[in-house]
Amino acid sequence: MNPAMNLAVQPVTEDDIADFLANQPDFFERHAELLASVQLFSGHGDRAISLQERQASLLREKIKALETRVLEMVGHGQDNLVIAGKMQSWTRRLLQTTQARDLPSAIVEGLASEFQIPQAAIRLWGMDAAHAGEDFAQEVGDDVQRFAASLNAPYCGVNSGFEAVRWLPHAGQAQSLALIALRASLDAPVSGLLVLASTDAQRFHSGMGTEFLERLGELAGAALSRLQAPAASRPAVNVG
């Protein structure tokens, strides 16, 4: 008996067919009648449609998905323009504040009017003695100063009993917070803390992006540098 007769016949698999068609790009040119006769499920119910109809349907779906993405991008762009406009208006307010002692209130009031922040408060340390009696220069404990110095990015999340929340006019209503360290420049030591609060527990959350808040803190810190005492006269804070 021929040994070849004992070999099991290997069935043709779908992968074999796919490989064959991939390696024979002119197959459907030689058998064009197959394209018209191939029937596929439409993807919407059990109705069968031709291959060309199925391809057209897939193309329409891709076009629709791209249109949706474009609309989303346009929407994000418009939102960014609105935010940029508000930031510019808020910054203009700070530039137009002639008295340095009025800057903290200008920052807080601007945040409320431009960005609908329900509550905000600022405390600064290392300030010039001329401002010692101002609310923003009231004593701040070492723990708060160390916490502020440890922030590499704004804290966003629930109000879990931070001491700085007591600075707010209605501390009991603060459900979520953004705590932003203030510096006169990017490489300067922390000289204050900005507290933003909302009654909405999801307004500030741990998963949100903080780039906008970082830019806001940089602008506020630079503006408030007008209130600082000369560097040689500032007390050192142990952040260890």
Protein backbone atom coordinates (compact mmCIF):
# COMPACT_ATOMS: atom_id res chain seq x y z
CA MET A 1 0.00 0.00 0.00
CA ASN A 2 1.25 3.43 -0.84
CA PRO A 3 2.43 5.08 2.43
CA ALA A 4 0.99 8.37 1.25
CA MET A 5 -2.47 6.81 1.49
CA ASN A 6 -2.05 6.58 5.25
CA LEU A 7 -1.45 10.29 5.70
CA ALA A 8 -4.40 12.11 7.17
CA VAL A 9 -5.79 14.78 4.91
CA GLN A 10 -5.36 18.18 6.58
CA PRO A 11 -8.55 20.25 6.36
CA VAL A 12 -8.37 23.72 4.84
CA THR A 13 -8.81 26.33 7.58
CA GLU A 14 -10.10 29.88 7.46
CA ASP A 15 -6.54 31.09 8.03
CA ASP A 16 -5.44 29.12 4.95
CA ILE A 17 -8.12 30.82 2.88
CA ALA A 18 -7.24 34.26 4.27
CA ASP A 19 -3.53 33.69 3.54
CA PHE A 20 -4.35 32.54 0.01
CA LEU A 21 -6.48 35.62 -0.73
CA ALA A 22 -3.87 37.92 0.81
CA ASN A 23 -1.20 36.43 -1.42
CA GLN A 24 -3.39 36.42 -4.52
CA PRO A 25 -4.54 40.07 -4.88
CA ASP A 26 -5.76 39.41 -8.42
CA PHE A 27 -8.01 36.50 -7.40
CA PHE A 28 -11.20 38.55 -7.52
CA GLU A 29 -10.16 40.06 -10.83
CA ARG A 30 -10.05 36.55 -12.28
CA HIS A 31 -13.32 35.64 -10.52
CA ALA A 32 -15.22 38.94 -10.53
CA GLU A 33 -18.56 37.10 -10.47
CA LEU A 34 -17.85 36.03 -6.87
CA LEU A 35 -17.97 39.62 -5.59
CA ALA A 36 -21.56 39.94 -6.76
CA SER A 37 -22.58 36.62 -5.28
CA VAL A 38 -20.93 36.87 -1.83
CA GLN A 39 -23.54 37.53 0.85
CA LEU A 40 -22.67 38.85 4.33
CA PHE A 41 -24.64 39.68 7.44
CA SER A 42 -25.46 43.37 7.46
CA GLY A 43 -24.50 43.85 11.09
CA HIS A 44 -28.00 45.14 11.76
CA GLY A 45 -30.23 42.12 12.14
CA ASP A 46 -30.12 38.91 10.11
CA ARG A 47 -30.56 40.46 6.67
CA ALA A 48 -27.90 39.39 4.16
CA ILE A 49 -26.27 41.99 1.92
CA SER A 50 -23.64 41.93 -0.81
CA LEU A 51 -19.96 42.46 -0.12
CA GLN A 52 -20.07 45.89 -1.78
CA GLU A 53 -23.01 46.92 0.40
CA ARG A 54 -21.19 45.74 3.51
CA GLN A 55 -18.07 47.71 2.55
CA ALA A 56 -20.16 50.81 1.90
CA SER A 57 -21.87 50.37 5.29
CA LEU A 58 -18.52 50.09 7.08
CA LEU A 59 -17.25 53.17 5.27
CA ARG A 60 -20.33 55.16 6.31
CA GLU A 61 -19.78 54.11 9.91
CA LYS A 62 -16.14 55.23 9.77
CA ILE A 63 -17.14 58.56 8.26
CA LYS A 64 -19.75 59.07 10.97
CA ALA A 65 -17.18 58.28 13.69
CA LEU A 66 -14.72 60.76 12.16
CA GLU A 67 -17.42 63.44 11.97
CA THR A 68 -18.17 62.88 15.65
CA ARG A 69 -14.49 63.24 16.54
CA VAL A 70 -14.22 66.45 14.51
CA LEU A 71 -17.26 67.91 16.30
CA GLU A 72 -15.74 66.95 19.66
CA MET A 73 -12.45 68.63 18.71
CA VAL A 74 -14.28 71.78 17.63
CA GLY A 75 -16.20 71.76 20.91
CA HIS A 76 -13.00 71.36 22.93
CA GLY A 77 -11.40 74.18 20.95
CA GLN A 78 -14.33 76.50 21.68
CA ASP A 79 -14.22 75.56 25.37
CA ASN A 80 -10.50 76.32 25.46
CA LEU A 81 -11.11 79.73 23.87
CA VAL A 82 -13.68 80.53 26.55
CA ILE A 83 -11.29 79.48 29.33
CA ALA A 84 -8.45 81.47 27.78
CA GLY A 85 -10.69 84.52 27.66
CA LYS A 86 -11.60 84.15 31.32
CA MET A 87 -7.95 83.69 32.26
CA GLN A 88 -7.04 86.84 30.35
CA SER A 89 -9.80 88.82 32.07
CA TRP A 90 -8.69 87.54 35.50
CA THR A 91 -5.04 88.38 34.75
CA ARG A 92 -6.04 91.87 33.57
CA ARG A 93 -7.74 92.41 36.92
CA LEU A 94 -4.50 91.58 38.73
CA LEU A 95 -2.45 93.88 36.51
CA GLN A 96 -4.87 96.73 37.13
CA THR A 97 -4.71 96.33 40.93
CA THR A 98 -2.55 99.27 41.98
CA GLN A 99 -2.29 98.56 45.71
CA ALA A 100 -0.36 95.40 46.54
CA ARG A 101 -2.47 94.75 49.65
CA ASP A 102 -5.56 94.47 47.43
CA LEU A 103 -4.15 91.63 45.33
CA PRO A 104 -5.38 88.68 47.46
CA SER A 105 -8.95 89.94 47.38
CA ALA A 106 -8.66 90.68 43.65
CA ILE A 107 -7.53 87.08 43.07
CA VAL A 108 -10.39 85.61 45.12
CA GLU A 109 -13.07 87.89 43.68
CA GLY A 110 -11.82 87.29 40.16
CA LEU A 111 -11.99 83.52 40.61
CA ALA A 112 -15.57 83.81 41.84
CA SER A 113 -16.70 86.03 38.96
CA GLU A 114 -14.73 84.54 36.06
CA PHE A 115 -14.63 80.84 36.95
CA GLN A 116 -17.65 80.48 39.26
CA ILE A 117 -15.55 79.22 42.16
CA PRO A 118 -17.96 79.26 45.15
CA GLN A 119 -15.28 79.82 47.79
CA ALA A 120 -11.60 80.75 47.80
CA ALA A 121 -9.07 81.87 50.36
CA ILE A 122 -5.39 82.83 50.43
CA ARG A 123 -2.82 82.82 53.18
CA LEU A 124 0.72 84.03 52.69
CA TRP A 125 3.86 83.86 54.80
CA GLY A 126 7.17 85.68 54.62
CA MET A 127 5.28 88.89 53.91
CA ASP A 128 6.56 92.41 54.46
CA ALA A 129 5.84 93.69 57.98
CA ALA A 130 3.72 96.48 56.51
CA HIS A 131 1.02 93.88 55.75
CA ALA A 132 1.10 92.10 59.10
CA GLY A 133 -2.45 93.11 60.01
CA GLU A 134 -4.09 91.88 56.82
CA ASP A 135 -6.28 88.77 56.79
CA PHE A 136 -4.10 87.10 54.17
CA ALA A 137 -1.04 87.49 56.43
CA GLN A 138 -2.52 85.84 59.53
CA GLU A 139 -0.35 83.22 61.16
CA VAL A 140 -0.08 79.90 59.34
CA GLY A 141 1.12 76.82 61.21
CA ASP A 142 4.28 74.98 60.28
CA ASP A 143 2.26 71.89 59.29
CA VAL A 144 0.37 73.85 56.64
CA GLN A 145 3.58 75.42 55.36
CA ARG A 146 5.26 72.03 55.12
CA PHE A 147 2.23 70.59 53.34
CA ALA A 148 2.24 73.45 50.83
CA ALA A 149 5.98 73.02 50.23
CA SER A 150 5.45 69.31 49.53
CA LEU A 151 2.95 69.91 46.71
CA ASN A 152 4.51 69.16 43.34
CA ALA A 153 1.10 69.73 41.74
CA PRO A 154 -2.20 71.08 43.05
CA TYR A 155 -4.12 68.77 45.36
CA CYS A 156 -7.60 68.04 44.05
CA GLY A 157 -10.03 65.89 46.00
CA VAL A 158 -12.46 65.62 48.84
CA ASN A 159 -12.32 67.79 51.92
CA SER A 160 -10.75 65.47 54.44
CA GLY A 161 -10.32 67.99 57.24
CA PHE A 162 -7.43 70.11 55.97
CA GLU A 163 -6.51 72.91 58.35
CA ALA A 164 -6.49 75.38 55.46
CA VAL A 165 -10.23 74.82 54.93
CA ARG A 166 -10.82 76.90 58.07
CA TRP A 167 -9.74 79.97 56.13
CA LEU A 168 -12.87 79.77 53.98
CA PRO A 169 -15.88 81.94 54.89
CA HIS A 170 -18.18 78.87 54.90
CA ALA A 171 -15.85 75.98 55.68
CA GLY A 172 -18.68 73.56 56.46
CA GLN A 173 -19.97 73.76 52.88
CA ALA A 174 -16.68 72.72 51.27
CA GLN A 175 -17.12 69.24 49.78
CA SER A 176 -14.24 69.22 47.30
CA LEU A 177 -11.02 71.22 47.26
CA ALA A 178 -8.14 72.38 45.14
CA LEU A 179 -5.07 73.37 47.16
CA ILE A 180 -2.47 75.29 45.15
CA ALA A 181 0.99 76.20 46.40
CA LEU A 182 2.05 79.78 45.59
CA ARG A 183 5.54 80.82 44.55
CA ALA A 184 6.97 84.10 43.31
CA SER A 185 8.63 82.13 40.48
CA LEU A 186 8.93 78.51 39.39
CA ASP A 187 12.20 78.00 41.28
CA ALA A 188 11.29 80.09 44.33
CA PRO A 189 10.26 78.62 47.71
CA VAL A 190 6.56 78.30 48.49
CA SER A 191 5.24 81.48 50.10
CA GLY A 192 1.52 80.84 50.30
CA LEU A 193 -1.45 78.56 49.69
CA LEU A 194 -4.56 79.17 47.59
CA VAL A 195 -7.65 77.21 48.60
CA LEU A 196 -10.53 76.69 46.15
CA ALA A 197 -13.67 74.96 47.38
CA SER A 198 -17.01 73.79 46.01
CA THR A 199 -20.20 72.33 47.41
CA ASP A 200 -20.04 69.82 44.52
CA ALA A 201 -18.05 66.78 45.66
CA GLN A 202 -16.97 66.15 42.04
CA ARG A 203 -15.96 69.71 41.10
CA PHE A 204 -12.38 68.99 42.17
CA HIS A 205 -11.41 65.32 42.05
CA SER A 206 -8.23 63.26 42.04
CA GLY A 207 -8.56 62.24 38.41
CA MET A 208 -8.83 65.71 36.92
CA GLY A 209 -6.05 67.43 35.00
CA THR A 210 -4.21 70.11 36.96
CA GLU A 211 -2.42 72.05 34.20
CA PHE A 212 -4.92 74.91 34.28
CA LEU A 213 -4.70 75.14 38.08
CA GLU A 214 -0.91 75.13 37.87
CA ARG A 215 -0.95 78.08 35.44
CA LEU A 216 -3.42 79.88 37.68
CA GLY A 217 -1.16 79.34 40.70
CA GLU A 218 1.90 80.60 38.80
CA LEU A 219 0.14 83.83 37.85
CA ALA A 220 -1.24 84.35 41.35
CA GLY A 221 2.13 83.65 42.97
CA ALA A 222 3.93 86.06 40.65
CA ALA A 223 1.41 88.82 41.34
CA LEU A 224 1.57 88.28 45.11
CA SER A 225 5.35 88.55 45.12
CA ARG A 226 4.81 92.31 45.50
CA LEU A 227 3.78 91.62 49.09
CA GLN A 228 6.86 89.70 50.12
CA ALA A 229 9.52 90.83 52.52
CA PRO A 230 13.15 90.93 51.34
CA ALA A 231 14.54 87.39 51.14
CA ALA A 232 17.10 88.00 53.88
CA SER A 233 14.40 88.77 56.44
CA ARG A 234 12.13 85.75 55.79
CA PRO A 235 12.08 82.97 58.42
CA ALA A 236 13.14 79.54 57.24
CA VAL A 237 10.60 76.72 57.28
CA ASN A 238 11.70 73.15 57.95
CA VAL A 239 10.00 70.96 55.35
CA GLY A 240 11.59 67.74 56.51
